[in-house]
């Protein structure tokens, strides 16, 4: 449920699992934000298949999710339930636009083959089979149960030298 350190409108950061940060250190400065028709099911799927951990889940008045934060290493995704609000015409479910995406989210994992097996077992649609990536590591892409595309792999962009 609600994390007492979470305060709307107040900037803050907390340490991410597995890293040695000061209490005020920040994880990623870019955080993807997604909306789901069934945000509770999406949270469960993302945690079970990709290894995210729930940091904050705040329910809305209709039983959905007003705001959730899931963390993985230094990364985070924020998500919530689709709502009829000022963003409803801008952020739509993938099925309303034929599943077309203009972006994906990269999830760096230690063992892409293990995550791939869990994703396949969950019944998710794989849109790029697992393979050795030309830039290094193992990678694949899949759709979550509501159609958002996720790229998953072992390549560490931070460890690569700039070209």
Foldseek 3Di string as FASTA:
>chain_A
DADPVDDPPDDAAAADPPDDDDRRDAFDPDAAEAADQAVVVVVVQCCQQQVWDWPGFDADPVGWTPWTWTDDHSYIYMYTYQDPDPCNVPHDFCVVVVLDDPDAEERADQDVVRSVVRCVVVVWAWPADWDADPVGWIWTWTADPRRGIYIYTNDDPVPDDDD
